[in-house]
PDB file of N, CA and C in Angstrom:
ATOM      1  N   UNK A   1     -21.309  -7.371  31.555  1.00  0.00           N
ATOM      2  CA  UNK A   1     -21.232  -6.141  30.470  1.00  0.00           C
ATOM      3  C   UNK A   1     -22.215  -7.000  29.705  1.00  0.00           C
ATOM      4  N   UNK A   2     -23.298  -6.224  28.913  1.00  0.00           N
ATOM      5  CA  UNK A   2     -24.404  -6.496  28.004  1.00  0.00           C
ATOM      6  C   UNK A   2     -24.066  -5.671  26.774  1.00  0.00           C
ATOM      7  N   UNK A   3     -24.142  -6.341  25.580  1.00  0.00           N
ATOM      8  CA  UNK A   3     -23.416  -5.641  24.273  1.00  0.00           C
ATOM      9  C   UNK A   3     -24.004  -6.613  23.292  1.00  0.00           C
ATOM     10  N   UNK A   4     -24.115  -6.087  22.289  1.00  0.00           N
ATOM     11  CA  UNK A   4     -24.491  -6.516  20.710  1.00  0.00           C
ATOM     12  C   UNK A   4     -22.965  -7.041  20.203  1.00  0.00           C
ATOM     13  N   UNK A   5     -22.556  -7.894  19.794  1.00  0.00           N
ATOM     14  CA  UNK A   5     -21.703  -8.410  19.115  1.00  0.00           C
ATOM     15  C   UNK A   5     -22.005  -8.582  17.581  1.00  0.00           C
ATOM     16  N   UNK A   6     -20.995  -7.667  17.046  1.00  0.00           N
ATOM     17  CA  UNK A   6     -21.347  -7.716  15.624  1.00  0.00           C
ATOM     18  C   UNK A   6     -19.864  -8.196  14.598  1.00  0.00           C
ATOM     19  N   UNK A   7     -20.234  -9.019  13.841  1.00  0.00           N
ATOM     20  CA  UNK A   7     -19.060  -9.612  12.943  1.00  0.00           C
ATOM     21  C   UNK A   7     -19.375  -9.489  11.637  1.00  0.00           C
ATOM     22  N   UNK A   8     -18.434  -9.305  10.729  1.00  0.00           N
ATOM     23  CA  UNK A   8     -18.528  -9.643   9.255  1.00  0.00           C
ATOM     24  C   UNK A   8     -17.693 -10.228   8.669  1.00  0.00           C
ATOM     25  N   UNK A   9     -18.030 -11.078   7.671  1.00  0.00           N
ATOM     26  CA  UNK A   9     -16.948 -11.758   7.018  1.00  0.00           C
ATOM     27  C   UNK A   9     -17.463 -12.079   5.533  1.00  0.00           C
ATOM     28  N   UNK A  10     -16.317 -12.946   4.853  1.00  0.00           N
ATOM     29  CA  UNK A  10     -16.964 -13.344   3.382  1.00  0.00           C
ATOM     30  C   UNK A  10     -16.666 -14.704   3.174  1.00  0.00           C
ATOM     31  N   UNK A  11     -17.786 -15.401   2.931  1.00  0.00           N
ATOM     32  CA  UNK A  11     -17.563 -16.847   2.694  1.00  0.00           C
ATOM     33  C   UNK A  11     -18.316 -16.914   1.390  1.00  0.00           C
ATOM     34  N   UNK A  12     -17.275 -17.091   0.066  1.00  0.00           N
ATOM     35  CA  UNK A  12     -17.350 -17.364  -0.881  1.00  0.00           C
ATOM     36  C   UNK A  12     -18.604 -18.145  -1.530  1.00  0.00           C
ATOM     37  N   UNK A  13     -18.622 -19.349  -0.233  1.00  0.00           N
ATOM     38  CA  UNK A  13     -19.623 -20.639  -0.895  1.00  0.00           C
ATOM     39  C   UNK A  13     -20.783 -19.981  -0.575  1.00  0.00           C
ATOM     40  N   UNK A  14     -21.399 -18.750  -0.207  1.00  0.00           N
ATOM     41  CA  UNK A  14     -22.578 -18.541   0.148  1.00  0.00           C
ATOM     42  C   UNK A  14     -23.342 -17.011  -0.933  1.00  0.00           C
ATOM     43  N   UNK A  15     -22.240 -17.068  -1.683  1.00  0.00           N
ATOM     44  CA  UNK A  15     -22.694 -16.200  -2.994  1.00  0.00           C
ATOM     45  C   UNK A  15     -24.222 -16.695  -3.611  1.00  0.00           C
ATOM     46  N   UNK A  16     -24.681 -15.532  -4.164  1.00  0.00           N
ATOM     47  CA  UNK A  16     -26.042 -15.710  -4.256  1.00  0.00           C
ATOM     48  C   UNK A  16     -26.617 -14.884  -5.339  1.00  0.00           C
ATOM     49  N   UNK A  17     -27.543 -15.354  -6.369  1.00  0.00           N
ATOM     50  CA  UNK A  17     -28.002 -14.159  -7.213  1.00  0.00           C
ATOM     51  C   UNK A  17     -29.447 -13.500  -7.005  1.00  0.00           C
ATOM     52  N   UNK A  18     -29.611 -13.797  -5.868  1.00  0.00           N
ATOM     53  CA  UNK A  18     -31.061 -13.270  -5.488  1.00  0.00           C
ATOM     54  C   UNK A  18     -30.427 -11.466  -5.477  1.00  0.00           C
ATOM     55  N   UNK A  19     -31.535 -10.688  -5.866  1.00  0.00           N
ATOM     56  CA  UNK A  19     -31.342  -9.281  -5.775  1.00  0.00           C
ATOM     57  C   UNK A  19     -31.724  -8.808  -4.515  1.00  0.00           C
ATOM     58  N   UNK A  20     -30.623  -8.773  -3.506  1.00  0.00           N
ATOM     59  CA  UNK A  20     -30.745  -8.269  -2.086  1.00  0.00           C
ATOM     60  C   UNK A  20     -30.266  -9.014  -1.292  1.00  0.00           C
ATOM     61  N   UNK A  21     -30.454  -8.805  -0.033  1.00  0.00           N
ATOM     62  CA  UNK A  21     -29.966  -9.715   1.075  1.00  0.00           C
ATOM     63  C   UNK A  21     -30.732 -10.420   1.724  1.00  0.00           C
ATOM     64  N   UNK A  22     -30.433 -11.521   1.885  1.00  0.00           N
ATOM     65  CA  UNK A  22     -31.037 -12.942   2.572  1.00  0.00           C
ATOM     66  C   UNK A  22     -30.949 -12.842   3.871  1.00  0.00           C
ATOM     67  N   UNK A  23     -32.251 -12.840   4.812  1.00  0.00           N
ATOM     68  CA  UNK A  23     -32.035 -12.988   5.958  1.00  0.00           C
ATOM     69  C   UNK A  23     -31.934 -14.452   6.419  1.00  0.00           C
ATOM     70  N   UNK A  24     -31.210 -15.068   7.105  1.00  0.00           N
ATOM     71  CA  UNK A  24     -31.310 -16.456   7.864  1.00  0.00           C
ATOM     72  C   UNK A  24     -31.963 -16.582   9.373  1.00  0.00           C
ATOM     73  N   UNK A  25     -32.960 -17.614   9.146  1.00  0.00           N
ATOM     74  CA  UNK A  25     -33.559 -18.051  10.252  1.00  0.00           C
ATOM     75  C   UNK A  25     -32.685 -18.516  11.311  1.00  0.00           C
ATOM     76  N   UNK A  26     -33.244 -18.388  12.565  1.00  0.00           N
ATOM     77  CA  UNK A  26     -32.567 -18.884  13.695  1.00  0.00           C
ATOM     78  C   UNK A  26     -32.155 -20.545  13.627  1.00  0.00           C
ATOM     79  N   UNK A  27     -33.069 -21.344  12.869  1.00  0.00           N
ATOM     80  CA  UNK A  27     -33.245 -22.205  12.920  1.00  0.00           C
ATOM     81  C   UNK A  27     -31.867 -22.782  11.798  1.00  0.00           C
ATOM     82  N   UNK A  28     -31.548 -22.201  11.116  1.00  0.00           N
ATOM     83  CA  UNK A  28     -30.524 -22.456   9.995  1.00  0.00           C
ATOM     84  C   UNK A  28     -29.041 -21.805  10.665  1.00  0.00           C
ATOM     85  N   UNK A  29     -28.952 -20.799  11.476  1.00  0.00           N
ATOM     86  CA  UNK A  29     -27.894 -20.732  11.875  1.00  0.00           C
ATOM     87  C   UNK A  29     -26.885 -21.428  12.399  1.00  0.00           C
ATOM     88  N   UNK A  30     -27.318 -22.448  12.913  1.00  0.00           N
ATOM     89  CA  UNK A  30     -26.339 -23.435  13.563  1.00  0.00           C
ATOM     90  C   UNK A  30     -25.387 -24.412  12.491  1.00  0.00           C
ATOM     91  N   UNK A  31     -26.247 -24.253  10.858  1.00  0.00           N
ATOM     92  CA  UNK A  31     -26.029 -24.874   9.796  1.00  0.00           C
ATOM     93  C   UNK A  31     -24.921 -24.321   8.885  1.00  0.00           C
ATOM     94  N   UNK A  32     -24.524 -22.690   9.539  1.00  0.00           N
ATOM     95  CA  UNK A  32     -23.573 -22.217   8.988  1.00  0.00           C
ATOM     96  C   UNK A  32     -22.402 -21.701   9.719  1.00  0.00           C
ATOM     97  N   UNK A  33     -21.382 -21.599   8.833  1.00  0.00           N
ATOM     98  CA  UNK A  33     -19.975 -21.683   9.660  1.00  0.00           C
ATOM     99  C   UNK A  33     -19.621 -20.245  10.402  1.00  0.00           C
ATOM    100  N   UNK A  34     -19.467 -19.985  11.948  1.00  0.00           N
ATOM    101  CA  UNK A  34     -19.555 -18.599  12.176  1.00  0.00           C
ATOM    102  C   UNK A  34     -18.201 -19.069  12.950  1.00  0.00           C
ATOM    103  N   UNK A  35     -17.457 -17.737  13.009  1.00  0.00           N
ATOM    104  CA  UNK A  35     -16.167 -17.557  13.712  1.00  0.00           C
ATOM    105  C   UNK A  35     -16.030 -18.205  14.953  1.00  0.00           C
ATOM    106  N   UNK A  36     -15.292 -18.973  15.941  1.00  0.00           N
ATOM    107  CA  UNK A  36     -15.134 -19.085  17.170  1.00  0.00           C
ATOM    108  C   UNK A  36     -14.560 -17.969  17.993  1.00  0.00           C
ATOM    109  N   UNK A  37     -15.547 -17.093  18.100  1.00  0.00           N
ATOM    110  CA  UNK A  37     -14.698 -15.842  18.745  1.00  0.00           C
ATOM    111  C   UNK A  37     -14.827 -15.957  20.350  1.00  0.00           C
ATOM    112  N   UNK A  38     -13.962 -15.437  20.561  1.00  0.00           N
ATOM    113  CA  UNK A  38     -13.977 -15.534  22.606  1.00  0.00           C
ATOM    114  C   UNK A  38     -13.461 -14.329  23.119  1.00  0.00           C
ATOM    115  N   UNK A  39     -13.702 -14.458  24.177  1.00  0.00           N
ATOM    116  CA  UNK A  39     -13.291 -12.874  24.993  1.00  0.00           C
ATOM    117  C   UNK A  39     -12.323 -13.239  25.883  1.00  0.00           C
ATOM    118  N   UNK A  40     -10.826 -12.952  25.951  1.00  0.00           N
ATOM    119  CA  UNK A  40      -9.667 -13.344  26.967  1.00  0.00           C
ATOM    120  C   UNK A  40      -9.948 -13.228  28.573  1.00  0.00           C
ATOM    121  N   UNK A  41     -10.768 -12.161  28.683  1.00  0.00           N
ATOM    122  CA  UNK A  41     -10.816 -11.939  30.418  1.00  0.00           C
ATOM    123  C   UNK A  41     -12.019 -12.724  30.525  1.00  0.00           C
ATOM    124  N   UNK A  42     -12.800 -13.471  29.918  1.00  0.00           N
ATOM    125  CA  UNK A  42     -14.225 -13.373  30.430  1.00  0.00           C
ATOM    126  C   UNK A  42     -14.101 -15.087  31.286  1.00  0.00           C
ATOM    127  N   UNK A  43     -14.861 -14.617  32.335  1.00  0.00           N
ATOM    128  CA  UNK A  43     -15.101 -15.905  33.389  1.00  0.00           C
ATOM    129  C   UNK A  43     -16.572 -16.806  32.914  1.00  0.00           C
ATOM    130  N   UNK A  44     -17.272 -15.898  32.506  1.00  0.00           N
ATOM    131  CA  UNK A  44     -18.353 -16.462  31.637  1.00  0.00           C
ATOM    132  C   UNK A  44     -19.071 -15.777  30.706  1.00  0.00           C
ATOM    133  N   UNK A  45     -19.516 -16.238  29.723  1.00  0.00           N
ATOM    134  CA  UNK A  45     -20.368 -15.626  28.678  1.00  0.00           C
ATOM    135  C   UNK A  45     -21.693 -16.483  28.270  1.00  0.00           C
ATOM    136  N   UNK A  46     -22.621 -15.647  28.001  1.00  0.00           N
ATOM    137  CA  UNK A  46     -23.776 -16.055  27.403  1.00  0.00           C
ATOM    138  C   UNK A  46     -24.459 -15.395  26.472  1.00  0.00           C
ATOM    139  N   UNK A  47     -25.568 -15.958  25.490  1.00  0.00           N
ATOM    140  CA  UNK A  47     -26.366 -15.083  24.769  1.00  0.00           C
ATOM    141  C   UNK A  47     -27.828 -15.162  25.091  1.00  0.00           C
ATOM    142  N   UNK A  48     -28.089 -13.882  24.378  1.00  0.00           N
ATOM    143  CA  UNK A  48     -29.646 -13.685  25.050  1.00  0.00           C
ATOM    144  C   UNK A  48     -30.354 -14.667  24.586  1.00  0.00           C
ATOM    145  N   UNK A  49     -31.430 -15.410  25.261  1.00  0.00           N
ATOM    146  CA  UNK A  49     -32.467 -15.966  24.538  1.00  0.00           C
ATOM    147  C   UNK A  49     -33.892 -15.530  25.481  1.00  0.00           C
ATOM    148  N   UNK A  50     -34.196 -14.473  25.041  1.00  0.00           N
ATOM    149  CA  UNK A  50     -35.369 -14.012  25.739  1.00  0.00           C
ATOM    150  C   UNK A  50     -36.733 -14.701  25.216  1.00  0.00           C
ATOM    151  N   UNK A  51     -37.352 -14.566  23.882  1.00  0.00           N
ATOM    152  CA  UNK A  51     -38.491 -15.420  23.796  1.00  0.00           C
ATOM    153  C   UNK A  51     -38.016 -16.304  22.467  1.00  0.00           C
ATOM    154  N   UNK A  52     -36.553 -15.483  22.140  1.00  0.00           N
ATOM    155  CA  UNK A  52     -35.969 -16.594  21.097  1.00  0.00           C
ATOM    156  C   UNK A  52     -34.661 -16.345  20.975  1.00  0.00           C
ATOM    157  N   UNK A  53     -33.977 -17.385  20.249  1.00  0.00           N
ATOM    158  CA  UNK A  53     -32.486 -17.157  20.301  1.00  0.00           C
ATOM    159  C   UNK A  53     -32.026 -15.973  19.733  1.00  0.00           C
ATOM    160  N   UNK A  54     -31.394 -14.881  20.091  1.00  0.00           N
ATOM    161  CA  UNK A  54     -31.441 -13.342  19.879  1.00  0.00           C
ATOM    162  C   UNK A  54     -30.030 -13.019  19.175  1.00  0.00           C
ATOM    163  N   UNK A  55     -29.865 -13.852  17.815  1.00  0.00           N
ATOM    164  CA  UNK A  55     -29.176 -13.995  16.870  1.00  0.00           C
ATOM    165  C   UNK A  55     -29.453 -13.601  15.498  1.00  0.00           C
ATOM    166  N   UNK A  56     -28.880 -12.901  14.888  1.00  0.00           N
ATOM    167  CA  UNK A  56     -29.142 -12.713  13.223  1.00  0.00           C
ATOM    168  C   UNK A  56     -28.400 -12.704  12.324  1.00  0.00           C
ATOM    169  N   UNK A  57     -28.295 -13.430  11.405  1.00  0.00           N
ATOM    170  CA  UNK A  57     -27.221 -13.413  10.156  1.00  0.00           C
ATOM    171  C   UNK A  57     -28.117 -13.080   9.053  1.00  0.00           C
ATOM    172  N   UNK A  58     -27.251 -12.160   8.051  1.00  0.00           N
ATOM    173  CA  UNK A  58     -27.969 -11.877   6.848  1.00  0.00           C
ATOM    174  C   UNK A  58     -26.720 -11.892   5.742  1.00  0.00           C
ATOM    175  N   UNK A  59     -27.188 -12.513   4.758  1.00  0.00           N
ATOM    176  CA  UNK A  59     -25.772 -12.644   3.651  1.00  0.00           C
ATOM    177  C   UNK A  59     -26.219 -11.656   2.503  1.00  0.00           C
ATOM    178  N   UNK A  60     -24.914 -11.106   1.904  1.00  0.00           N
ATOM    179  CA  UNK A  60     -25.451 -10.468   0.656  1.00  0.00           C
ATOM    180  C   UNK A  60     -24.894 -11.455  -0.542  1.00  0.00           C
ATOM    181  N   UNK A  61     -25.121 -10.803  -1.739  1.00  0.00           N
ATOM    182  CA  UNK A  61     -25.141 -11.425  -3.075  1.00  0.00           C
ATOM    183  C   UNK A  61     -23.727 -11.760  -3.019  1.00  0.00           C
ATOM    184  N   UNK A  62     -22.574 -10.963  -2.584  1.00  0.00           N
ATOM    185  CA  UNK A  62     -21.317 -11.348  -2.577  1.00  0.00           C
ATOM    186  C   UNK A  62     -20.429 -12.419  -1.980  1.00  0.00           C
ATOM    187  N   UNK A  63     -21.702 -12.625  -0.935  1.00  0.00           N
ATOM    188  CA  UNK A  63     -21.125 -13.852   0.340  1.00  0.00           C
ATOM    189  C   UNK A  63     -20.698 -13.037   1.463  1.00  0.00           C
ATOM    190  N   UNK A  64     -20.802 -11.848   1.474  1.00  0.00           N
ATOM    191  CA  UNK A  64     -20.442 -11.269   3.002  1.00  0.00           C
ATOM    192  C   UNK A  64     -21.680 -11.810   3.735  1.00  0.00           C
ATOM    193  N   UNK A  65     -21.096 -11.990   5.044  1.00  0.00           N
ATOM    194  CA  UNK A  65     -22.322 -12.518   6.065  1.00  0.00           C
ATOM    195  C   UNK A  65     -22.041 -11.523   7.434  1.00  0.00           C
ATOM    196  N   UNK A  66     -23.359 -10.879   7.651  1.00  0.00           N
ATOM    197  CA  UNK A  66     -23.172  -9.923   8.784  1.00  0.00           C
ATOM    198  C   UNK A  66     -23.821 -10.969   9.642  1.00  0.00           C
ATOM    199  N   UNK A  67     -23.225 -10.918  10.785  1.00  0.00           N
ATOM    200  CA  UNK A  67     -23.756 -11.761  12.214  1.00  0.00           C
ATOM    201  C   UNK A  67     -23.882 -10.733  13.652  1.00  0.00           C
ATOM    202  N   UNK A  68     -25.204 -10.758  13.874  1.00  0.00           N
ATOM    203  CA  UNK A  68     -25.190 -10.042  15.058  1.00  0.00           C
ATOM    204  C   UNK A  68     -25.794 -10.915  16.352  1.00  0.00           C
ATOM    205  N   UNK A  69     -25.290 -10.690  17.308  1.00  0.00           N
ATOM    206  CA  UNK A  69     -25.983 -11.459  18.460  1.00  0.00           C
ATOM    207  C   UNK A  69     -25.811 -10.611  19.936  1.00  0.00           C
ATOM    208  N   UNK A  70     -26.831 -10.826  20.730  1.00  0.00           N
ATOM    209  CA  UNK A  70     -26.756  -9.990  22.196  1.00  0.00           C
ATOM    210  C   UNK A  70     -25.813 -10.992  23.139  1.00  0.00           C
ATOM    211  N   UNK A  71     -25.030 -10.181  23.695  1.00  0.00           N
ATOM    212  CA  UNK A  71     -24.220 -11.286  24.818  1.00  0.00           C
ATOM    213  C   UNK A  71     -24.159 -10.530  26.022  1.00  0.00           C
ATOM    214  N   UNK A  72     -23.842 -11.517  26.568  1.00  0.00           N
ATOM    215  CA  UNK A  72     -23.722 -11.199  28.416  1.00  0.00           C
ATOM    216  C   UNK A  72     -22.379 -11.492  28.764  1.00  0.00           C
ATOM    217  N   UNK A  73     -21.148 -10.771  29.177  1.00  0.00           N
ATOM    218  CA  UNK A  73     -20.160 -11.116  29.404  1.00  0.00           C
ATOM    219  C   UNK A  73     -19.836 -10.974  31.105  1.00  0.00           C
ATOM    220  N   UNK A  74     -19.594 -11.696  31.905  1.00  0.00           N
ATOM    221  CA  UNK A  74     -18.671 -11.495  33.139  1.00  0.00           C
ATOM    222  C   UNK A  74     -17.027 -11.406  33.002  1.00  0.00           C
ATOM    223  N   UNK A  75     -16.749 -10.414  33.115  1.00  0.00           N
ATOM    224  CA  UNK A  75     -15.060 -10.304  33.072  1.00  0.00           C
ATOM    225  C   UNK A  75     -14.170 -10.606  34.230  1.00  0.00           C
ATOM    226  N   UNK A  76     -12.862 -10.829  34.235  1.00  0.00           N
ATOM    227  CA  UNK A  76     -12.113 -10.697  35.428  1.00  0.00           C
ATOM    228  C   UNK A  76     -11.776  -9.257  35.815  1.00  0.00           C
ATOM    229  N   UNK A  77     -11.585  -9.182  37.180  1.00  0.00           N
ATOM    230  CA  UNK A  77     -10.695  -7.846  37.259  1.00  0.00           C
ATOM    231  C   UNK A  77      -9.283  -7.428  37.001  1.00  0.00           C
TER     232      UNK A  77
END
Protein backbone atom coordinates (compact mmCIF):
# COMPACT_ATOMS: atom_id res chain seq x y z
CA UNK A 1 0.00 0.00 0.00
CA UNK A 2 1.46 3.37 -1.05
CA UNK A 3 0.02 6.46 0.68
CA UNK A 4 0.65 9.88 2.22
CA UNK A 5 0.82 9.93 6.00
CA UNK A 6 -0.41 13.26 7.35
CA UNK A 7 -0.28 14.19 11.01
CA UNK A 8 -1.03 17.34 13.00
CA UNK A 9 -0.05 18.10 16.58
CA UNK A 10 0.69 21.16 18.72
CA UNK A 11 4.12 21.68 20.29
CA UNK A 12 4.03 24.90 22.36
CA UNK A 13 7.86 25.01 22.33
CA UNK A 14 7.69 25.80 18.60
CA UNK A 15 5.49 28.92 18.88
CA UNK A 16 6.96 31.83 16.94
CA UNK A 17 6.20 35.45 16.03
CA UNK A 18 6.90 35.12 12.31
CA UNK A 19 3.89 36.32 10.33
CA UNK A 20 3.22 33.04 8.51
CA UNK A 21 4.03 29.35 8.40
CA UNK A 22 7.61 28.12 8.63
CA UNK A 23 8.70 25.27 6.38
CA UNK A 24 11.35 23.02 7.91
CA UNK A 25 14.10 21.61 5.69
CA UNK A 26 14.75 17.87 5.54
CA UNK A 27 18.03 18.46 7.39
CA UNK A 28 16.12 19.75 10.44
CA UNK A 29 13.32 17.16 10.57
CA UNK A 30 15.45 14.76 12.63
CA UNK A 31 15.97 17.48 15.24
CA UNK A 32 12.23 17.86 15.95
CA UNK A 33 10.03 15.61 18.03
CA UNK A 34 7.72 13.52 15.82
CA UNK A 35 5.13 11.03 17.14
CA UNK A 36 6.20 7.40 17.00
CA UNK A 37 3.45 6.22 14.66
CA UNK A 38 3.18 2.54 13.85
CA UNK A 39 0.84 0.38 11.81
CA UNK A 40 -0.43 -2.61 13.75
CA UNK A 41 -0.69 -5.13 10.88
CA UNK A 42 2.49 -4.06 9.13
CA UNK A 43 5.11 -6.59 8.03
CA UNK A 44 7.33 -3.89 6.55
CA UNK A 45 7.14 -0.14 6.12
CA UNK A 46 9.39 2.41 4.45
CA UNK A 47 9.42 6.10 3.59
CA UNK A 48 10.03 7.16 0.00
CA UNK A 49 13.49 8.51 -0.78
CA UNK A 50 13.27 9.33 -4.47
CA UNK A 51 15.70 12.20 -5.10
CA UNK A 52 15.57 13.31 -1.48
CA UNK A 53 13.75 12.34 1.70
CA UNK A 54 10.03 12.61 0.98
CA UNK A 55 8.94 14.26 4.24
CA UNK A 56 7.71 17.78 4.93
CA UNK A 57 7.07 19.70 8.13
CA UNK A 58 5.56 23.16 8.48
CA UNK A 59 5.05 25.06 11.74
CA UNK A 60 2.29 27.61 12.34
CA UNK A 61 2.76 30.61 14.69
CA UNK A 62 0.69 28.89 17.43
CA UNK A 63 3.04 25.85 17.41
CA UNK A 64 0.83 23.61 15.25
CA UNK A 65 3.03 21.16 13.38
CA UNK A 66 1.89 19.71 10.04
CA UNK A 67 3.79 16.57 9.04
CA UNK A 68 3.54 14.87 5.64
CA UNK A 69 5.42 11.78 4.49
CA UNK A 70 5.00 9.37 1.60
CA UNK A 71 5.01 5.79 2.89
CA UNK A 72 4.84 2.22 1.63
CA UNK A 73 3.48 -0.53 3.87
CA UNK A 74 3.24 -4.26 3.38
CA UNK A 75 0.45 -5.49 5.66
CA UNK A 76 -0.39 -8.96 6.90
CA UNK A 77 -3.46 -10.68 5.50
